[in-house]
Protein backbone atom coordinates (compact mmCIF):
# COMPACT_ATOMS: atom_id res chain seq x y z
CA MET A 1 -23.24 -29.54 43.73
CA GLU A 2 -25.89 -28.53 46.27
CA LEU A 3 -28.77 -27.11 44.24
CA LYS A 4 -31.25 -26.60 47.07
CA THR A 5 -29.80 -23.15 47.71
CA LYS A 6 -31.14 -20.55 45.30
CA SER A 7 -28.15 -18.74 43.89
CA THR A 8 -27.06 -17.29 40.59
CA GLU A 9 -24.08 -19.66 40.58
CA ASN A 10 -26.36 -22.69 40.89
CA MET A 11 -28.68 -21.38 38.21
CA VAL A 12 -25.76 -20.84 35.81
CA TYR A 13 -24.52 -24.36 36.55
CA MET A 14 -27.92 -25.91 35.81
CA LEU A 15 -28.33 -23.96 32.57
CA ASP A 16 -24.84 -24.94 31.43
CA GLU A 17 -25.58 -28.59 32.16
CA ILE A 18 -28.88 -28.40 30.26
CA LYS A 19 -27.09 -26.87 27.26
CA ALA A 20 -24.42 -29.58 27.35
CA LYS A 21 -26.91 -32.44 27.70
CA LEU A 22 -29.08 -31.17 24.86
CA ARG A 23 -26.01 -30.33 22.75
CA MET A 24 -27.57 -27.01 21.91
CA VAL A 25 -26.27 -25.25 18.82
CA ASN A 26 -27.81 -21.88 19.68
CA GLU A 27 -26.58 -21.54 23.25
CA SER A 28 -27.53 -17.87 23.36
CA ALA A 29 -31.16 -19.02 23.68
CA VAL A 30 -30.26 -20.22 27.17
CA ASN A 31 -27.88 -17.48 28.21
CA SER A 32 -27.88 -17.42 32.01
CA SER A 33 -27.94 -13.61 32.14
CA ALA A 34 -31.42 -13.74 30.56
CA PHE A 35 -32.98 -15.40 33.62
CA ASN A 36 -34.06 -13.97 36.96
CA ILE A 37 -33.34 -15.82 40.17
CA ASP A 38 -37.10 -15.91 40.86
CA LYS A 39 -37.35 -18.56 38.12
CA TYR A 40 -34.85 -20.78 39.96
CA ASP A 41 -37.36 -23.48 40.95
CA ASP A 42 -38.71 -23.76 37.40
CA ILE A 43 -35.19 -24.04 35.98
CA LYS A 44 -34.36 -26.65 38.62
CA ASP A 45 -37.40 -28.71 37.58
CA ILE A 46 -36.30 -28.60 33.94
CA TYR A 47 -32.71 -29.45 34.95
CA GLU A 48 -33.85 -32.50 36.94
CA PHE A 49 -36.03 -33.68 34.05
CA VAL A 50 -33.22 -33.27 31.51
CA MET A 51 -30.64 -35.02 33.68
CA LYS A 52 -32.90 -38.07 34.22
CA LYS A 53 -33.42 -38.84 30.52
CA PRO A 54 -30.67 -40.47 28.47
CA THR A 55 -31.92 -39.17 25.09
CA PHE A 56 -34.44 -36.72 23.68
CA SER A 57 -36.56 -36.66 20.57
CA PRO A 58 -36.42 -33.49 18.47
CA ASN A 59 -39.91 -32.59 19.72
CA GLU A 60 -38.84 -32.98 23.35
CA MET A 61 -35.79 -30.82 22.77
CA GLN A 62 -37.91 -28.14 21.14
CA ALA A 63 -40.40 -28.22 24.02
CA ILE A 64 -37.60 -27.87 26.60
CA VAL A 65 -36.06 -24.93 24.77
CA GLU A 66 -39.47 -23.28 24.40
CA GLU A 67 -40.14 -23.75 28.11
CA LEU A 68 -36.80 -22.19 28.97
CA GLY A 69 -37.60 -19.36 26.58
CA SER A 70 -40.82 -18.67 28.42
CA LEU A 71 -38.85 -18.26 31.67
CA ARG A 72 -36.53 -15.59 30.28
CA LYS A 73 -36.72 -11.98 31.48
């Protein structure tokens, strides 16, 4: 998928992939409708970080979720 183009579809894709990779129980915390497209670059940075790492400590997972939470509307 080409993620250089800022679009709602790409943002939804990245958020879904982040949720899957982190195996999030509370997926509503990262509901794509809660994010504005102006946060696209920040979400993309988090997506790229998450996709590079094979595993996460509980503290890392919490920090990622908190960062995503700070980007919500």
